[in-house]
PDB file of N, CA and C in Angstrom:
ATOM      1  N   UNK A   1      87.402  91.749 109.767  1.00  0.00           N
ATOM      2  CA  UNK A   1      86.968  92.696 108.765  1.00  0.00           C
ATOM      3  C   UNK A   1      85.512  92.417 108.447  1.00  0.00           C
ATOM      4  N   UNK A   2      84.739  93.476 108.470  1.00  0.00           N
ATOM      5  CA  UNK A   2      83.311  93.327 108.207  1.00  0.00           C
ATOM      6  C   UNK A   2      82.885  94.402 107.220  1.00  0.00           C
ATOM      7  N   UNK A   3      82.036  94.029 106.286  1.00  0.00           N
ATOM      8  CA  UNK A   3      81.516  94.955 105.283  1.00  0.00           C
ATOM      9  C   UNK A   3      79.996  94.928 105.339  1.00  0.00           C
ATOM     10  N   UNK A   4      79.393  96.092 105.429  1.00  0.00           N
ATOM     11  CA  UNK A   4      77.933  96.166 105.370  1.00  0.00           C
ATOM     12  C   UNK A   4      77.540  97.537 104.836  1.00  0.00           C
ATOM     13  N   UNK A   5      76.292  97.660 104.445  1.00  0.00           N
ATOM     14  CA  UNK A   5      75.777  98.938 103.964  1.00  0.00           C
ATOM     15  C   UNK A   5      74.804  99.495 104.981  1.00  0.00           C
ATOM     16  N   UNK A   6      74.632 100.816 104.945  1.00  0.00           N
ATOM     17  CA  UNK A   6      73.654 101.442 105.827  1.00  0.00           C
ATOM     18  C   UNK A   6      72.247 101.064 105.374  1.00  0.00           C
ATOM     19  N   UNK A   7      71.240 101.512 106.084  1.00  0.00           N
ATOM     20  CA  UNK A   7      69.855 101.161 105.784  1.00  0.00           C
ATOM     21  C   UNK A   7      69.403 101.538 104.389  1.00  0.00           C
ATOM     22  N   UNK A   8      69.911 102.656 103.865  1.00  0.00           N
ATOM     23  CA  UNK A   8      69.548 103.091 102.514  1.00  0.00           C
ATOM     24  C   UNK A   8      70.360 102.382 101.440  1.00  0.00           C
ATOM     25  N   UNK A   9      71.413 101.696 101.846  1.00  0.00           N
ATOM     26  CA  UNK A   9      72.247 100.986 100.888  1.00  0.00           C
ATOM     27  C   UNK A   9      73.148 101.875 100.061  1.00  0.00           C
ATOM     28  N   UNK A  10      73.346 103.118 100.502  1.00  0.00           N
ATOM     29  CA  UNK A  10      74.178 104.022  99.714  1.00  0.00           C
ATOM     30  C   UNK A  10      75.504 104.371 100.385  1.00  0.00           C
ATOM     31  N   UNK A  11      75.758 103.799 101.549  1.00  0.00           N
ATOM     32  CA  UNK A  11      77.034 103.997 102.231  1.00  0.00           C
ATOM     33  C   UNK A  11      77.572 102.632 102.647  1.00  0.00           C
ATOM     34  N   UNK A  12      78.792 102.333 102.232  1.00  0.00           N
ATOM     35  CA  UNK A  12      79.460 101.099 102.632  1.00  0.00           C
ATOM     36  C   UNK A  12      80.197 101.367 103.940  1.00  0.00           C
ATOM     37  N   UNK A  13      80.058 100.461 104.892  1.00  0.00           N
ATOM     38  CA  UNK A  13      80.747 100.587 106.174  1.00  0.00           C
ATOM     39  C   UNK A  13      81.730  99.433 106.300  1.00  0.00           C
ATOM     40  N   UNK A  14      83.017  99.801 106.407  1.00  0.00           N
ATOM     41  CA  UNK A  14      84.075  98.801 106.597  1.00  0.00           C
ATOM     42  C   UNK A  14      84.500  98.870 108.057  1.00  0.00           C
ATOM     43  N   UNK A  15      84.406  97.753 108.777  1.00  0.00           N
ATOM     44  CA  UNK A  15      84.797  97.724 110.180  1.00  0.00           C
ATOM     45  C   UNK A  15      86.066  96.890 110.317  1.00  0.00           C
ATOM     46  N   UNK A  16      87.114  97.547 110.780  1.00  0.00           N
ATOM     47  CA  UNK A  16      88.411  96.897 110.963  1.00  0.00           C
ATOM     48  C   UNK A  16      88.567  96.475 112.419  1.00  0.00           C
ATOM     49  N   UNK A  17      89.326  95.388 112.657  1.00  0.00           N
ATOM     50  CA  UNK A  17      89.615  94.920 114.013  1.00  0.00           C
ATOM     51  C   UNK A  17      91.053  94.438 114.076  1.00  0.00           C
ATOM     52  N   UNK A  18      91.658  94.554 115.253  1.00  0.00           N
ATOM     53  CA  UNK A  18      93.025  94.084 115.442  1.00  0.00           C
ATOM     54  C   UNK A  18      94.046  95.074 114.918  1.00  0.00           C
ATOM     55  N   UNK A  19      95.220  94.575 114.594  1.00  0.00           N
ATOM     56  CA  UNK A  19      96.291  95.421 114.076  1.00  0.00           C
ATOM     57  C   UNK A  19      96.042  95.724 112.608  1.00  0.00           C
ATOM     58  N   UNK A  20      96.090  97.009 112.265  1.00  0.00           N
ATOM     59  CA  UNK A  20      95.811  97.441 110.896  1.00  0.00           C
ATOM     60  C   UNK A  20      97.015  98.203 110.356  1.00  0.00           C
ATOM     61  N   UNK A  21      97.501  97.743 109.216  1.00  0.00           N
ATOM     62  CA  UNK A  21      98.622  98.376 108.531  1.00  0.00           C
ATOM     63  C   UNK A  21      98.140  98.921 107.186  1.00  0.00           C
ATOM     64  N   UNK A  22      99.029  99.578 106.482  1.00  0.00           N
ATOM     65  CA  UNK A  22      98.709 100.068 105.146  1.00  0.00           C
ATOM     66  C   UNK A  22      98.269  98.905 104.264  1.00  0.00           C
ATOM     67  N   UNK A  23      98.974  97.793 104.347  1.00  0.00           N
ATOM     68  CA  UNK A  23      98.626  96.625 103.526  1.00  0.00           C
ATOM     69  C   UNK A  23      97.217  96.123 103.818  1.00  0.00           C
ATOM     70  N   UNK A  24      96.821  96.134 105.073  1.00  0.00           N
ATOM     71  CA  UNK A  24      95.469  95.694 105.436  1.00  0.00           C
ATOM     72  C   UNK A  24      94.428  96.630 104.834  1.00  0.00           C
ATOM     73  N   UNK A  25      94.676  97.929 104.913  1.00  0.00           N
ATOM     74  CA  UNK A  25      93.731  98.906 104.360  1.00  0.00           C
ATOM     75  C   UNK A  25      93.631  98.757 102.851  1.00  0.00           C
ATOM     76  N   UNK A  26      94.774  98.632 102.185  1.00  0.00           N
ATOM     77  CA  UNK A  26      94.753  98.478 100.727  1.00  0.00           C
ATOM     78  C   UNK A  26      94.123  97.149 100.315  1.00  0.00           C
ATOM     79  N   UNK A  27      94.392  96.085 101.059  1.00  0.00           N
ATOM     80  CA  UNK A  27      93.768  94.789 100.758  1.00  0.00           C
ATOM     81  C   UNK A  27      92.252  94.873 100.894  1.00  0.00           C
ATOM     82  N   UNK A  28      91.807  95.635 101.861  1.00  0.00           N
ATOM     83  CA  UNK A  28      90.370  95.820 102.032  1.00  0.00           C
ATOM     84  C   UNK A  28      89.770  96.537 100.829  1.00  0.00           C
ATOM     85  N   UNK A  29      90.446  97.592 100.358  1.00  0.00           N
ATOM     86  CA  UNK A  29      89.961  98.286  99.158  1.00  0.00           C
ATOM     87  C   UNK A  29      89.947  97.350  97.957  1.00  0.00           C
ATOM     88  N   UNK A  30      90.986  96.535  97.820  1.00  0.00           N
ATOM     89  CA  UNK A  30      91.033  95.592  96.698  1.00  0.00           C
ATOM     90  C   UNK A  30      89.885  94.587  96.786  1.00  0.00           C
ATOM     91  N   UNK A  31      89.566  94.154  97.994  1.00  0.00           N
ATOM     92  CA  UNK A  31      88.431  93.245  98.193  1.00  0.00           C
ATOM     93  C   UNK A  31      87.124  93.934  97.796  1.00  0.00           C
ATOM     94  N   UNK A  32      86.964  95.176  98.232  1.00  0.00           N
ATOM     95  CA  UNK A  32      85.763  95.953  97.893  1.00  0.00           C
ATOM     96  C   UNK A  32      85.610  96.064  96.381  1.00  0.00           C
ATOM     97  N   UNK A  33      86.711  96.369  95.708  1.00  0.00           N
ATOM     98  CA  UNK A  33      86.676  96.547  94.252  1.00  0.00           C
ATOM     99  C   UNK A  33      86.389  95.223  93.546  1.00  0.00           C
ATOM    100  N   UNK A  34      87.130  94.172  93.896  1.00  0.00           N
ATOM    101  CA  UNK A  34      86.987  92.897  93.184  1.00  0.00           C
ATOM    102  C   UNK A  34      85.637  92.223  93.434  1.00  0.00           C
ATOM    103  N   UNK A  35      84.991  92.556  94.544  1.00  0.00           N
ATOM    104  CA  UNK A  35      83.689  91.968  94.856  1.00  0.00           C
ATOM    105  C   UNK A  35      82.529  92.927  94.588  1.00  0.00           C
ATOM    106  N   UNK A  36      82.836  94.022  93.894  1.00  0.00           N
ATOM    107  CA  UNK A  36      81.804  95.000  93.501  1.00  0.00           C
ATOM    108  C   UNK A  36      80.919  95.425  94.669  1.00  0.00           C
ATOM    109  N   UNK A  37      81.545  95.718  95.806  1.00  0.00           N
ATOM    110  CA  UNK A  37      80.779  96.140  96.977  1.00  0.00           C
ATOM    111  C   UNK A  37      80.339  97.597  96.892  1.00  0.00           C
ATOM    112  N   UNK A  38      80.907  98.342  95.958  1.00  0.00           N
ATOM    113  CA  UNK A  38      80.492  99.729  95.735  1.00  0.00           C
ATOM    114  C   UNK A  38      79.811  99.796  94.380  1.00  0.00           C
ATOM    115  N   UNK A  39      78.591 100.316  94.399  1.00  0.00           N
ATOM    116  CA  UNK A  39      77.821 100.462  93.166  1.00  0.00           C
ATOM    117  C   UNK A  39      77.654 101.942  92.847  1.00  0.00           C
ATOM    118  N   UNK A  40      76.996 102.236  91.750  1.00  0.00           N
ATOM    119  CA  UNK A  40      76.737 103.629  91.385  1.00  0.00           C
ATOM    120  C   UNK A  40      75.808 104.304  92.386  1.00  0.00           C
ATOM    121  N   UNK A  41      75.079 103.528  93.169  1.00  0.00           N
ATOM    122  CA  UNK A  41      74.178 104.091  94.176  1.00  0.00           C
ATOM    123  C   UNK A  41      74.905 104.573  95.426  1.00  0.00           C
ATOM    124  N   UNK A  42      76.142 104.116  95.623  1.00  0.00           N
ATOM    125  CA  UNK A  42      76.892 104.491  96.819  1.00  0.00           C
ATOM    126  C   UNK A  42      77.394 105.932  96.715  1.00  0.00           C
ATOM    127  N   UNK A  43      77.248 106.646  97.838  1.00  0.00           N
ATOM    128  CA  UNK A  43      77.751 108.019  97.894  1.00  0.00           C
ATOM    129  C   UNK A  43      78.972 108.135  98.796  1.00  0.00           C
ATOM    130  N   UNK A  44      79.242 107.099  99.593  1.00  0.00           N
ATOM    131  CA  UNK A  44      80.375 107.187 100.490  1.00  0.00           C
ATOM    132  C   UNK A  44      80.759 105.866 101.119  1.00  0.00           C
ATOM    133  N   UNK A  45      81.929 105.918 101.774  1.00  0.00           N
ATOM    134  CA  UNK A  45      82.459 104.757 102.495  1.00  0.00           C
ATOM    135  C   UNK A  45      82.934 105.237 103.861  1.00  0.00           C
ATOM    136  N   UNK A  46      82.488 104.552 104.895  1.00  0.00           N
ATOM    137  CA  UNK A  46      82.951 104.828 106.252  1.00  0.00           C
ATOM    138  C   UNK A  46      83.872 103.686 106.660  1.00  0.00           C
ATOM    139  N   UNK A  47      85.058 104.041 107.136  1.00  0.00           N
ATOM    140  CA  UNK A  47      86.008 103.047 107.640  1.00  0.00           C
ATOM    141  C   UNK A  47      86.080 103.210 109.154  1.00  0.00           C
ATOM    142  N   UNK A  48      85.684 102.183 109.877  1.00  0.00           N
ATOM    143  CA  UNK A  48      85.627 102.220 111.334  1.00  0.00           C
ATOM    144  C   UNK A  48      86.877 101.546 111.899  1.00  0.00           C
ATOM    145  N   UNK A  49      87.729 102.364 112.538  1.00  0.00           N
ATOM    146  CA  UNK A  49      88.989 101.871 113.099  1.00  0.00           C
ATOM    147  C   UNK A  49      88.964 101.848 114.631  1.00  0.00           C
ATOM    148  N   UNK A  50      87.797 101.918 115.238  1.00  0.00           N
ATOM    149  CA  UNK A  50      87.724 102.026 116.700  1.00  0.00           C
ATOM    150  C   UNK A  50      88.268 100.807 117.426  1.00  0.00           C
ATOM    151  N   UNK A  51      88.205  99.638 116.820  1.00  0.00           N
ATOM    152  CA  UNK A  51      88.664  98.415 117.486  1.00  0.00           C
ATOM    153  C   UNK A  51      90.008  97.949 116.934  1.00  0.00           C
ATOM    154  N   UNK A  52      90.857  98.914 116.586  1.00  0.00           N
ATOM    155  CA  UNK A  52      92.132  98.559 115.961  1.00  0.00           C
ATOM    156  C   UNK A  52      93.323  99.150 116.693  1.00  0.00           C
ATOM    157  N   UNK A  53      94.459  98.629 116.332  1.00  0.00           N
ATOM    158  CA  UNK A  53      95.742  99.230 116.654  1.00  0.00           C
ATOM    159  C   UNK A  53      96.297  99.670 115.302  1.00  0.00           C
ATOM    160  N   UNK A  54      96.185 100.954 114.999  1.00  0.00           N
ATOM    161  CA  UNK A  54      96.608 101.459 113.694  1.00  0.00           C
ATOM    162  C   UNK A  54      98.114 101.618 113.635  1.00  0.00           C
ATOM    163  N   UNK A  55      98.728 100.992 112.656  1.00  0.00           N
ATOM    164  CA  UNK A  55     100.165 101.112 112.443  1.00  0.00           C
ATOM    165  C   UNK A  55     100.394 101.719 111.059  1.00  0.00           C
ATOM    166  N   UNK A  56     100.098 102.993 110.947  1.00  0.00           N
ATOM    167  CA  UNK A  56     100.232 103.705 109.677  1.00  0.00           C
ATOM    168  C   UNK A  56     101.182 104.871 109.904  1.00  0.00           C
ATOM    169  N   UNK A  57     102.179 104.985 109.049  1.00  0.00           N
ATOM    170  CA  UNK A  57     103.181 106.045 109.197  1.00  0.00           C
ATOM    171  C   UNK A  57     102.967 107.156 108.186  1.00  0.00           C
ATOM    172  N   UNK A  58     103.518 108.290 108.478  1.00  0.00           N
ATOM    173  CA  UNK A  58     103.412 109.465 107.610  1.00  0.00           C
ATOM    174  C   UNK A  58     103.868 109.147 106.182  1.00  0.00           C
ATOM    175  N   UNK A  59     104.876 108.316 106.040  1.00  0.00           N
ATOM    176  CA  UNK A  59     105.397 107.965 104.720  1.00  0.00           C
ATOM    177  C   UNK A  59     104.369 107.202 103.880  1.00  0.00           C
ATOM    178  N   UNK A  60     103.359 106.671 104.517  1.00  0.00           N
ATOM    179  CA  UNK A  60     102.343 105.881 103.819  1.00  0.00           C
ATOM    180  C   UNK A  60     101.405 106.720 102.972  1.00  0.00           C
ATOM    181  N   UNK A  61     101.397 108.017 103.176  1.00  0.00           N
ATOM    182  CA  UNK A  61     100.484 108.885 102.427  1.00  0.00           C
ATOM    183  C   UNK A  61     100.668 108.694 100.927  1.00  0.00           C
ATOM    184  N   UNK A  62     101.895 108.595 100.472  1.00  0.00           N
ATOM    185  CA  UNK A  62     102.168 108.428  99.040  1.00  0.00           C
ATOM    186  C   UNK A  62     101.566 107.119  98.517  1.00  0.00           C
ATOM    187  N   UNK A  63     101.597 106.081  99.314  1.00  0.00           N
ATOM    188  CA  UNK A  63     101.014 104.799  98.910  1.00  0.00           C
ATOM    189  C   UNK A  63      99.515 104.958  98.699  1.00  0.00           C
ATOM    190  N   UNK A  64      98.845 105.659  99.628  1.00  0.00           N
ATOM    191  CA  UNK A  64      97.409 105.905  99.475  1.00  0.00           C
ATOM    192  C   UNK A  64      97.136 106.787  98.262  1.00  0.00           C
ATOM    193  N   UNK A  65      97.944 107.821  98.068  1.00  0.00           N
ATOM    194  CA  UNK A  65      97.796 108.696  96.892  1.00  0.00           C
ATOM    195  C   UNK A  65      97.827 107.881  95.609  1.00  0.00           C
ATOM    196  N   UNK A  66      98.829 107.033  95.489  1.00  0.00           N
ATOM    197  CA  UNK A  66      98.979 106.214  94.282  1.00  0.00           C
ATOM    198  C   UNK A  66      97.784 105.288  94.085  1.00  0.00           C
ATOM    199  N   UNK A  67      97.329 104.671  95.159  1.00  0.00           N
ATOM    200  CA  UNK A  67      96.195 103.757  95.048  1.00  0.00           C
ATOM    201  C   UNK A  67      94.939 104.504  94.610  1.00  0.00           C
ATOM    202  N   UNK A  68      94.678 105.652  95.214  1.00  0.00           N
ATOM    203  CA  UNK A  68      93.498 106.433  94.839  1.00  0.00           C
ATOM    204  C   UNK A  68      93.608 106.919  93.402  1.00  0.00           C
ATOM    205  N   UNK A  69      94.799 107.340  92.997  1.00  0.00           N
ATOM    206  CA  UNK A  69      94.997 107.780  91.608  1.00  0.00           C
ATOM    207  C   UNK A  69      94.747 106.640  90.621  1.00  0.00           C
ATOM    208  N   UNK A  70      95.219 105.445  90.956  1.00  0.00           N
ATOM    209  CA  UNK A  70      95.035 104.285  90.078  1.00  0.00           C
ATOM    210  C   UNK A  70      93.568 103.867  89.972  1.00  0.00           C
ATOM    211  N   UNK A  71      92.771 104.256  90.954  1.00  0.00           N
ATOM    212  CA  UNK A  71      91.354 103.877  90.989  1.00  0.00           C
ATOM    213  C   UNK A  71      90.454 105.107  91.017  1.00  0.00           C
ATOM    214  N   UNK A  72      90.876 106.142  90.310  1.00  0.00           N
ATOM    215  CA  UNK A  72      90.190 107.427  90.351  1.00  0.00           C
ATOM    216  C   UNK A  72      88.723 107.323  89.943  1.00  0.00           C
ATOM    217  N   UNK A  73      88.402 106.453  89.009  1.00  0.00           N
ATOM    218  CA  UNK A  73      87.007 106.325  88.574  1.00  0.00           C
ATOM    219  C   UNK A  73      86.101 105.865  89.718  1.00  0.00           C
ATOM    220  N   UNK A  74      86.630 105.073  90.608  1.00  0.00           N
ATOM    221  CA  UNK A  74      85.855 104.615  91.761  1.00  0.00           C
ATOM    222  C   UNK A  74      85.740 105.708  92.818  1.00  0.00           C
ATOM    223  N   UNK A  75      86.848 106.390  93.098  1.00  0.00           N
ATOM    224  CA  UNK A  75      86.907 107.306  94.231  1.00  0.00           C
ATOM    225  C   UNK A  75      86.461 108.733  93.939  1.00  0.00           C
ATOM    226  N   UNK A  76      86.412 109.136  92.681  1.00  0.00           N
ATOM    227  CA  UNK A  76      86.202 110.561  92.385  1.00  0.00           C
ATOM    228  C   UNK A  76      84.868 111.110  92.882  1.00  0.00           C
ATOM    229  N   UNK A  77      83.842 110.295  92.982  1.00  0.00           N
ATOM    230  CA  UNK A  77      82.536 110.774  93.435  1.00  0.00           C
ATOM    231  C   UNK A  77      82.195 110.331  94.863  1.00  0.00           C
ATOM    232  N   UNK A  78      83.060 109.536  95.474  1.00  0.00           N
ATOM    233  CA  UNK A  78      82.775 109.018  96.818  1.00  0.00           C
ATOM    234  C   UNK A  78      83.265 109.958  97.908  1.00  0.00           C
ATOM    235  N   UNK A  79      82.510 110.019  98.983  1.00  0.00           N
ATOM    236  CA  UNK A  79      82.962 110.704 100.186  1.00  0.00           C
ATOM    237  C   UNK A  79      83.535 109.622 101.100  1.00  0.00           C
ATOM    238  N   UNK A  80      84.705 109.891 101.662  1.00  0.00           N
ATOM    239  CA  UNK A  80      85.369 108.918 102.525  1.00  0.00           C
ATOM    240  C   UNK A  80      85.452 109.469 103.940  1.00  0.00           C
ATOM    241  N   UNK A  81      85.140 108.635 104.926  1.00  0.00           N
ATOM    242  CA  UNK A  81      85.215 109.049 106.327  1.00  0.00           C
ATOM    243  C   UNK A  81      85.848 107.933 107.146  1.00  0.00           C
ATOM    244  N   UNK A  82      86.582 108.342 108.189  1.00  0.00           N
ATOM    245  CA  UNK A  82      87.196 107.387 109.099  1.00  0.00           C
ATOM    246  C   UNK A  82      86.686 107.659 110.502  1.00  0.00           C
ATOM    247  N   UNK A  83      86.412 106.589 111.238  1.00  0.00           N
ATOM    248  CA  UNK A  83      86.040 106.703 112.648  1.00  0.00           C
ATOM    249  C   UNK A  83      87.201 106.130 113.450  1.00  0.00           C
ATOM    250  N   UNK A  84      87.751 106.970 114.341  1.00  0.00           N
ATOM    251  CA  UNK A  84      88.906 106.565 115.137  1.00  0.00           C
ATOM    252  C   UNK A  84      88.709 107.097 116.547  1.00  0.00           C
ATOM    253  N   UNK A  85      88.948 106.275 117.577  1.00  0.00           N
ATOM    254  CA  UNK A  85      88.895 106.756 118.958  1.00  0.00           C
ATOM    255  C   UNK A  85      89.957 107.817 119.152  1.00  0.00           C
ATOM    256  N   UNK A  86      89.657 108.812 119.956  1.00  0.00           N
ATOM    257  CA  UNK A  86      90.580 109.936 120.130  1.00  0.00           C
ATOM    258  C   UNK A  86      91.985 109.544 120.579  1.00  0.00           C
ATOM    259  N   UNK A  87      92.181 108.530 121.434  1.00  0.00           N
ATOM    260  CA  UNK A  87      93.559 108.164 121.765  1.00  0.00           C
ATOM    261  C   UNK A  87      94.318 107.553 120.585  1.00  0.00           C
ATOM    262  N   UNK A  88      93.586 107.132 119.592  1.00  0.00           N
ATOM    263  CA  UNK A  88      94.207 106.475 118.442  1.00  0.00           C
ATOM    264  C   UNK A  88      94.181 107.420 117.253  1.00  0.00           C
ATOM    265  N   UNK A  89      94.943 108.483 117.336  1.00  0.00           N
ATOM    266  CA  UNK A  89      94.864 109.522 116.307  1.00  0.00           C
ATOM    267  C   UNK A  89      96.011 109.458 115.315  1.00  0.00           C
ATOM    268  N   UNK A  90      96.638 108.323 115.182  1.00  0.00           N
ATOM    269  CA  UNK A  90      97.779 108.206 114.285  1.00  0.00           C
ATOM    270  C   UNK A  90      97.385 108.504 112.847  1.00  0.00           C
ATOM    271  N   UNK A  91      96.291 107.934 112.375  1.00  0.00           N
ATOM    272  CA  UNK A  91      95.907 108.118 110.973  1.00  0.00           C
ATOM    273  C   UNK A  91      95.641 109.582 110.640  1.00  0.00           C
ATOM    274  N   UNK A  92      94.864 110.326 111.446  1.00  0.00           N
ATOM    275  CA  UNK A  92      94.691 111.745 111.138  1.00  0.00           C
ATOM    276  C   UNK A  92      96.008 112.512 111.163  1.00  0.00           C
ATOM    277  N   UNK A  93      96.919 112.141 112.059  1.00  0.00           N
ATOM    278  CA  UNK A  93      98.205 112.825 112.108  1.00  0.00           C
ATOM    279  C   UNK A  93      99.021 112.568 110.852  1.00  0.00           C
ATOM    280  N   UNK A  94      98.874 111.378 110.299  1.00  0.00           N
ATOM    281  CA  UNK A  94      99.582 111.062 109.062  1.00  0.00           C
ATOM    282  C   UNK A  94      99.162 112.040 107.973  1.00  0.00           C
ATOM    283  N   UNK A  95      97.881 112.327 107.930  1.00  0.00           N
ATOM    284  CA  UNK A  95      97.349 113.173 106.866  1.00  0.00           C
ATOM    285  C   UNK A  95      97.348 114.655 107.230  1.00  0.00           C
ATOM    286  N   UNK A  96      97.680 114.978 108.466  1.00  0.00           N
ATOM    287  CA  UNK A  96      97.589 116.345 108.958  1.00  0.00           C
ATOM    288  C   UNK A  96      98.296 117.353 108.069  1.00  0.00           C
ATOM    289  N   UNK A  97      99.508 117.076 107.689  1.00  0.00           N
ATOM    290  CA  UNK A  97     100.287 118.019 106.897  1.00  0.00           C
ATOM    291  C   UNK A  97     100.432 117.594 105.448  1.00  0.00           C
ATOM    292  N   UNK A  98      99.677 116.619 105.055  1.00  0.00           N
ATOM    293  CA  UNK A  98      99.756 116.134 103.683  1.00  0.00           C
ATOM    294  C   UNK A  98      98.407 116.297 103.020  1.00  0.00           C
ATOM    295  N   UNK A  99      98.383 116.987 101.921  1.00  0.00           N
ATOM    296  CA  UNK A  99      97.141 117.177 101.176  1.00  0.00           C
ATOM    297  C   UNK A  99      97.306 116.532  99.825  1.00  0.00           C
ATOM    298  N   UNK A 100      96.350 115.740  99.447  1.00  0.00           N
ATOM    299  CA  UNK A 100      96.351 115.212  98.097  1.00  0.00           C
ATOM    300  C   UNK A 100      94.929 115.235  97.586  1.00  0.00           C
ATOM    301  N   UNK A 101      94.820 115.484  96.319  1.00  0.00           N
ATOM    302  CA  UNK A 101      93.508 115.591  95.698  1.00  0.00           C
ATOM    303  C   UNK A 101      93.195 114.293  94.984  1.00  0.00           C
ATOM    304  N   UNK A 102      91.995 113.804  95.222  1.00  0.00           N
ATOM    305  CA  UNK A 102      91.566 112.589  94.554  1.00  0.00           C
ATOM    306  C   UNK A 102      90.759 112.992  93.342  1.00  0.00           C
TER     307      UNK A 102
END
């Protein structure tokens, strides 16, 4: 797991490696929050999953919904993006038919 900011310092980039589960993703968010890696200057977070084996199921959407709702003050102004290699499209498929508003 690697955390860095872009050149302007307004986008946090989280790079995941290895097997990634819902718990790993949520633990990463908890680390970001507890270590104040997102400031008022940040406009977004990019999560890079290109070097992972994503093990996220459709049922996990509710877990993410709850986490985002519990941390709405952090997420309400942030843009979130995921980078995933095309053969590894499990995460987008999880969210394909599920819409939730942050």
